[in-house]
Each structure stands twice: as structure tokens, then as C-alpha cells.
């Protein structure tokens, strides 16, 4: 019996007649870390935008948690358990670390604005529950010392960790990470890789990530999907991908 949490089935996406994704299919097994690799313009970020509903795909279907979708929107994706981070930090720079992480629950509020404005008991209970969840994320990502610091005052690496926390607070079963280590130095990359591994192992979260650092990809991932001009040209374990002559020549470099 398949343990796939996500099945991408013949997905195609075009922009003004140009194919960004072309009849793409692959599975992501529950509990794994799946890396998407390929050159710029290969369709990796477009695929993440399809998976969390930012883009509406032209053909194919997505099967997530055994539910079939021909269309999904970002709110629906979030409510079904798909979390997402972006290439560029989409954080509120003047707000504290805590408040930025709490924004990850905005789509999950059950109380109405008037209840919150009046400080009614149900709204207070929900706010307190949210703060407890946020405190747990702060501790998990070792951000307690920065709890009340405006995000704009933090280093780039810490900001990326805050964005990870904002995606995690809603408890996604599938986490999409768009270049979570882009622009980091070696030490920051090592730290972020450790946290991604912790999220996968300790929280049981399935992860799909885009990453260009092949050392990180091969050391962190269970499964690698290789894209080129929107097509899949490789799909397997890191060892299988490393042994694929076409993938080596196109993406990993050829040893001379």
C-alpha cells in the first residue's frame, strides 16, 4: 500500500504559452525529505506555487492525503495541512519574533473580530492557546532569546528561522521550503539543515524543499527530483541521482 502523502499527476502549467511545468509526475512519501533540484527556470518555485494554490495549474491533478484536487487555493491548502516558506523573507520587519510567528495562525482563528476587539472569554482562550503554541515553536527553533526583538534587527539566518517558525506553528503535515538556505554562510546553512532535519524527525513533518547546495541536498534528503525546463529528468534516492549520468552532466558537474 502506497505511503505517499502527496502525488503529483501529469501537472502542466503555462505562462502566456510558455511551459513552466510540463506533464510532471512524482510521489512524496509520508515522513521523507524530498529535494527539488535543477537550474534557475526549471520550474521548481512554480511547482511549489501550484502545490499551495498560488498558481492554478492547466492540466493534471494533485492527490494530497488521498484527496484528489484539480484546483486548490492558498487558504484551502493551509487548512488541509500544507505549510510554505518563500525565497525572500515575507516577514513583518517591525514586529517582534513572537508576533511574526503568531501570524502563521491567522488563517486558523475561530473567533470573530468583534470577539477579539471586546476581549470576550472565547477570544482570550484562543489567544492564550496560540501564544502557548508560539512559545513551543520558539523553544524548538532556539529563538527564545529573540522573542521580543523586532525581526528587522535580526541576522538573515535568524530571520529565515523565524519564517520557518511561522510556517510550523499551524502544524502542517507537509512543509514546502523554497530555498531555505539561500544567501546563508556555511555555518548558517549547517544550522538550518539541522532544524529542517529536526522538523522532519521530531515533528514527523514531511518536507519538500528547493535547494541549490548539492552538499546539503545529498546529506539531508531521502528523495531527490530533478527538473529541467519543467520536465522531470531524474527521480530517486540521492545515491541514484548521483549515479545518473544525465543528471551528473546537467546539474552536479562532470569530474575531469
Protein backbone atom coordinates (compact mmCIF):
# COMPACT_ATOMS: atom_id res chain seq x y z
CA UNK A 1 0.00 0.00 0.00
CA UNK A 2 1.40 3.38 -1.00
CA UNK A 3 2.51 5.65 1.84
CA UNK A 4 2.50 8.71 -0.42
CA UNK A 5 1.25 11.84 1.30
CA UNK A 6 1.49 13.74 -2.00
CA UNK A 7 1.08 12.58 -5.58
CA UNK A 8 1.73 14.95 -8.46
CA UNK A 9 -0.02 13.59 -11.53
CA UNK A 10 0.78 14.96 -15.02
CA UNK A 11 0.79 18.57 -13.83
CA UNK A 12 1.26 21.22 -16.54
CA UNK A 13 1.46 24.99 -16.12
CA UNK A 14 1.97 27.67 -18.78
CA UNK A 15 2.54 31.41 -18.73
CA UNK A 16 1.50 33.13 -21.98
CA UNK A 17 2.09 29.93 -23.91
CA UNK A 18 5.46 29.14 -22.32
CA UNK A 19 5.51 25.84 -20.44
CA UNK A 20 6.79 26.29 -16.89
CA UNK A 21 5.82 22.73 -15.90
CA UNK A 22 5.27 20.00 -18.47
CA UNK A 23 3.36 16.79 -17.63
CA UNK A 24 5.21 16.39 -14.33
CA UNK A 25 4.56 13.37 -12.10
CA UNK A 26 6.19 12.12 -8.90
CA UNK A 27 5.25 10.92 -5.40
CA UNK A 28 6.37 12.16 -1.99
CA UNK A 29 6.26 9.50 0.70
CA UNK A 30 4.98 10.33 4.16
CA UNK A 31 7.78 11.25 6.54
CA UNK A 32 10.51 11.86 3.96
CA UNK A 33 12.55 14.90 2.95
CA UNK A 34 12.21 15.38 -0.81
CA UNK A 35 14.55 17.83 -2.57
CA UNK A 36 13.72 19.54 -5.86
CA UNK A 37 16.85 20.46 -7.82
CA UNK A 38 17.60 21.92 -11.21
CA UNK A 39 18.84 25.16 -12.79
CA UNK A 40 17.11 28.52 -12.49
CA UNK A 41 13.99 28.48 -14.61
CA UNK A 42 13.49 24.72 -14.24
CA UNK A 43 10.04 25.20 -12.70
CA UNK A 44 10.83 24.43 -9.06
CA UNK A 45 9.27 27.50 -7.44
CA UNK A 46 6.37 27.36 -9.88
CA UNK A 47 5.72 23.83 -8.68
CA UNK A 48 5.61 24.91 -5.03
CA UNK A 49 3.21 27.68 -6.04
CA UNK A 50 1.00 25.04 -7.64
CA UNK A 51 1.13 22.81 -4.57
CA UNK A 52 -0.01 25.51 -2.15
CA UNK A 53 -2.53 27.08 -4.52
CA UNK A 54 -0.79 30.31 -5.53
CA UNK A 55 -0.88 29.17 -9.18
CA UNK A 56 -3.76 27.33 -10.81
CA UNK A 57 -2.39 24.52 -12.97
CA UNK A 58 -3.61 23.91 -16.52
CA UNK A 59 -3.82 20.11 -16.51
CA UNK A 60 -3.30 17.11 -14.26
CA UNK A 61 -4.21 16.62 -10.63
CA UNK A 62 -2.77 16.74 -7.13
CA UNK A 63 -3.54 13.98 -4.65
CA UNK A 64 -2.88 15.12 -1.09
CA UNK A 65 -3.76 12.91 1.87
CA UNK A 66 -5.73 10.73 -0.59
CA UNK A 67 -7.91 13.65 -1.68
CA UNK A 68 -7.89 14.50 -5.39
CA UNK A 69 -7.64 18.15 -6.46
CA UNK A 70 -7.89 19.78 -9.84
CA UNK A 71 -7.91 23.17 -8.16
CA UNK A 72 -6.78 24.40 -4.74
CA UNK A 73 -6.31 27.86 -3.20
CA UNK A 74 -3.78 29.02 -0.57
CA UNK A 75 -6.36 29.13 2.23
CA UNK A 76 -7.60 25.65 1.41
CA UNK A 77 -4.04 24.34 1.20
CA UNK A 78 -3.16 25.82 4.60
CA UNK A 79 -6.28 24.42 6.22
CA UNK A 80 -5.55 20.98 4.78
CA UNK A 81 -2.07 20.99 6.31
CA UNK A 82 0.27 22.40 3.66
CA UNK A 83 2.76 24.96 5.05
CA UNK A 84 5.08 27.15 2.98
CA UNK A 85 8.11 29.43 3.17
CA UNK A 86 9.35 31.65 0.35
CA UNK A 87 12.66 32.56 -1.32
CA UNK A 88 12.52 36.10 0.04
CA UNK A 89 11.57 36.54 3.68
CA UNK A 90 7.92 37.61 3.78
CA UNK A 91 8.19 38.84 7.36
CA UNK A 92 6.92 41.93 9.16
CA UNK A 93 10.24 43.60 9.93
CA UNK A 94 8.96 46.00 12.63
CA UNK A 95 7.06 43.30 14.50
CA UNK A 96 8.61 41.06 17.14
CA UNK A 97 9.70 37.49 16.52
CA UNK A 98 6.77 36.25 18.62
CA UNK A 99 4.20 38.31 16.72
CA UNK A 100 5.61 37.23 13.35
CA UNK A 101 5.29 33.58 14.33
CA UNK A 102 1.74 34.16 15.56
CA UNK A 103 0.73 35.47 12.12
CA UNK A 104 1.08 31.88 10.93
CA UNK A 105 -2.17 31.13 12.79
CA UNK A 106 -4.21 33.98 11.32
CA UNK A 107 -5.98 31.61 8.89
CA UNK A 108 -6.85 29.24 11.71
CA UNK A 109 -8.68 31.65 14.03
CA UNK A 110 -12.18 30.55 15.01
CA UNK A 111 -13.16 33.73 16.87
CA UNK A 112 -14.58 36.77 15.11
CA UNK A 113 -13.01 40.22 15.05
CA UNK A 114 -15.69 41.66 17.37
CA UNK A 115 -14.95 38.95 19.96
CA UNK A 116 -11.25 39.79 19.82
CA UNK A 117 -11.87 43.55 19.99
CA UNK A 118 -14.09 43.17 23.06
CA UNK A 119 -11.75 40.69 24.72
CA UNK A 120 -14.51 38.13 25.17
CA UNK A 121 -13.62 34.91 27.02
CA UNK A 122 -13.55 32.69 23.92
CA UNK A 123 -11.19 35.10 22.16
CA UNK A 124 -8.93 35.29 25.22
CA UNK A 125 -8.75 31.50 25.46
CA UNK A 126 -7.89 31.20 21.79
CA UNK A 127 -5.22 33.92 22.05
CA UNK A 128 -3.65 32.20 25.06
CA UNK A 129 -3.64 28.83 23.27
CA UNK A 130 -1.96 30.45 20.27
CA UNK A 131 0.71 32.03 22.47
CA UNK A 132 1.47 28.67 24.09
CA UNK A 133 1.91 27.14 20.65
CA UNK A 134 4.18 30.02 19.62
CA UNK A 135 6.29 29.57 22.75
CA UNK A 136 6.75 25.92 21.85
CA UNK A 137 7.97 26.90 18.38
CA UNK A 138 10.35 29.48 19.86
CA UNK A 139 11.88 26.81 22.07
CA UNK A 140 12.04 24.22 19.29
CA UNK A 141 13.90 26.62 16.96
CA UNK A 142 16.05 28.08 19.76
CA UNK A 143 14.61 31.56 19.31
CA UNK A 144 13.60 32.25 22.93
CA UNK A 145 16.31 34.88 23.41
CA UNK A 146 14.92 36.85 20.46
CA UNK A 147 11.25 36.57 21.41
CA UNK A 148 10.55 40.30 21.70
CA UNK A 149 13.14 41.57 19.20
CA UNK A 150 11.87 43.25 16.00
CA UNK A 151 12.59 40.83 13.16
CA UNK A 152 14.34 43.55 11.15
CA UNK A 153 17.06 43.70 13.82
CA UNK A 154 17.99 40.03 13.41
CA UNK A 155 20.63 38.47 11.19
CA UNK A 156 19.50 36.99 7.88
CA UNK A 157 19.92 33.44 9.16
CA UNK A 158 17.73 34.11 12.20
CA UNK A 159 15.10 35.75 10.03
CA UNK A 160 14.91 32.61 7.91
CA UNK A 161 14.43 30.61 11.09
CA UNK A 162 11.57 32.90 12.12
CA UNK A 163 9.92 32.31 8.76
CA UNK A 164 10.29 28.58 9.32
CA UNK A 165 8.62 29.01 12.71
CA UNK A 166 5.72 30.90 11.20
CA UNK A 167 5.14 28.02 8.75
CA UNK A 168 5.41 25.42 11.54
CA UNK A 169 3.06 26.92 14.11
CA UNK A 170 -0.05 25.69 12.31
CA UNK A 171 1.27 22.11 12.50
CA UNK A 172 1.44 21.28 8.77
CA UNK A 173 1.74 17.68 7.69
CA UNK A 174 3.54 18.81 4.51
CA UNK A 175 6.05 21.67 4.59
CA UNK A 176 7.21 23.36 1.37
CA UNK A 177 10.53 25.19 1.73
CA UNK A 178 11.63 27.44 -1.13
CA UNK A 179 15.43 27.78 -0.89
CA UNK A 180 15.51 27.94 2.93
CA UNK A 181 19.32 28.28 2.91
CA UNK A 182 19.76 30.74 0.04
CA UNK A 183 22.17 33.57 0.89
CA UNK A 184 23.47 31.91 4.04
CA UNK A 185 27.07 31.34 5.03
CA UNK A 186 28.32 27.82 5.75
CA UNK A 187 27.56 27.98 9.48
CA UNK A 188 24.02 29.29 8.91
CA UNK A 189 23.39 26.56 6.33
CA UNK A 190 24.52 23.90 8.77
CA UNK A 191 22.20 25.27 11.44
CA UNK A 192 19.20 25.47 9.10
CA UNK A 193 19.83 21.96 7.80
CA UNK A 194 19.82 20.74 11.41
CA UNK A 195 16.48 22.42 12.09
CA UNK A 196 14.92 21.02 8.90
CA UNK A 197 16.08 17.54 9.94
CA UNK A 198 14.64 18.11 13.43
CA UNK A 199 11.30 19.21 11.97
CA UNK A 200 11.19 16.04 9.90
CA UNK A 201 12.35 13.66 12.64
CA UNK A 202 10.87 15.15 15.82
CA UNK A 203 7.63 16.63 14.47
CA UNK A 204 7.04 13.96 11.83
CA UNK A 205 6.58 16.60 9.13
CA UNK A 206 7.06 15.62 5.50
CA UNK A 207 9.29 18.19 3.77
CA UNK A 208 9.63 19.22 0.13
CA UNK A 209 12.46 21.70 -0.34
CA UNK A 210 14.23 23.55 -3.13
CA UNK A 211 17.97 23.80 -2.61
CA UNK A 212 20.96 24.54 -4.86
CA UNK A 213 23.73 23.41 -2.49
CA UNK A 214 24.31 19.80 -3.55
CA UNK A 215 26.19 19.00 -0.36
CA UNK A 216 23.11 19.98 1.65
CA UNK A 217 20.76 18.13 -0.71
CA UNK A 218 22.69 14.88 -0.65
CA UNK A 219 23.24 14.96 3.11
CA UNK A 220 19.70 15.93 4.12
CA UNK A 221 17.33 14.37 1.60
CA UNK A 222 15.77 10.93 1.34
CA UNK A 223 14.47 11.55 -2.17
CA UNK A 224 15.56 13.88 -5.00
CA UNK A 225 13.51 15.01 -8.01
CA UNK A 226 15.47 16.70 -10.80
CA UNK A 227 13.74 19.23 -13.08
CA UNK A 228 14.86 20.83 -16.33
CA UNK A 229 12.61 23.23 -18.25
CA UNK A 230 9.59 21.96 -16.36
CA UNK A 231 10.25 18.29 -17.10
CA UNK A 232 11.41 15.58 -14.73
CA UNK A 233 14.83 14.24 -15.72
CA UNK A 234 15.68 12.38 -12.51
CA UNK A 235 13.81 10.83 -9.59
CA UNK A 236 15.26 8.64 -6.86
CA UNK A 237 17.45 8.46 -3.80
CA UNK A 238 20.45 10.81 -3.55
CA UNK A 239 22.72 7.88 -4.47
CA UNK A 240 20.63 7.04 -7.52
CA UNK A 241 20.60 10.64 -8.68
CA UNK A 242 24.34 10.96 -8.16
CA UNK A 243 24.86 7.85 -10.29
CA UNK A 244 22.63 9.05 -13.15
CA UNK A 245 24.96 10.19 -15.98
CA UNK A 246 22.44 12.67 -17.41
CA UNK A 247 21.87 14.28 -14.04
CA UNK A 248 25.59 14.41 -13.30
CA UNK A 249 26.32 16.10 -16.60
CA UNK A 250 23.47 18.59 -16.35
CA UNK A 251 23.39 19.52 -12.66
CA UNK A 252 26.09 18.06 -10.50
CA UNK A 253 29.05 18.70 -12.78
CA UNK A 254 31.36 16.30 -14.55
CA UNK A 255 34.65 15.34 -12.95
CA UNK A 256 37.52 15.91 -15.38
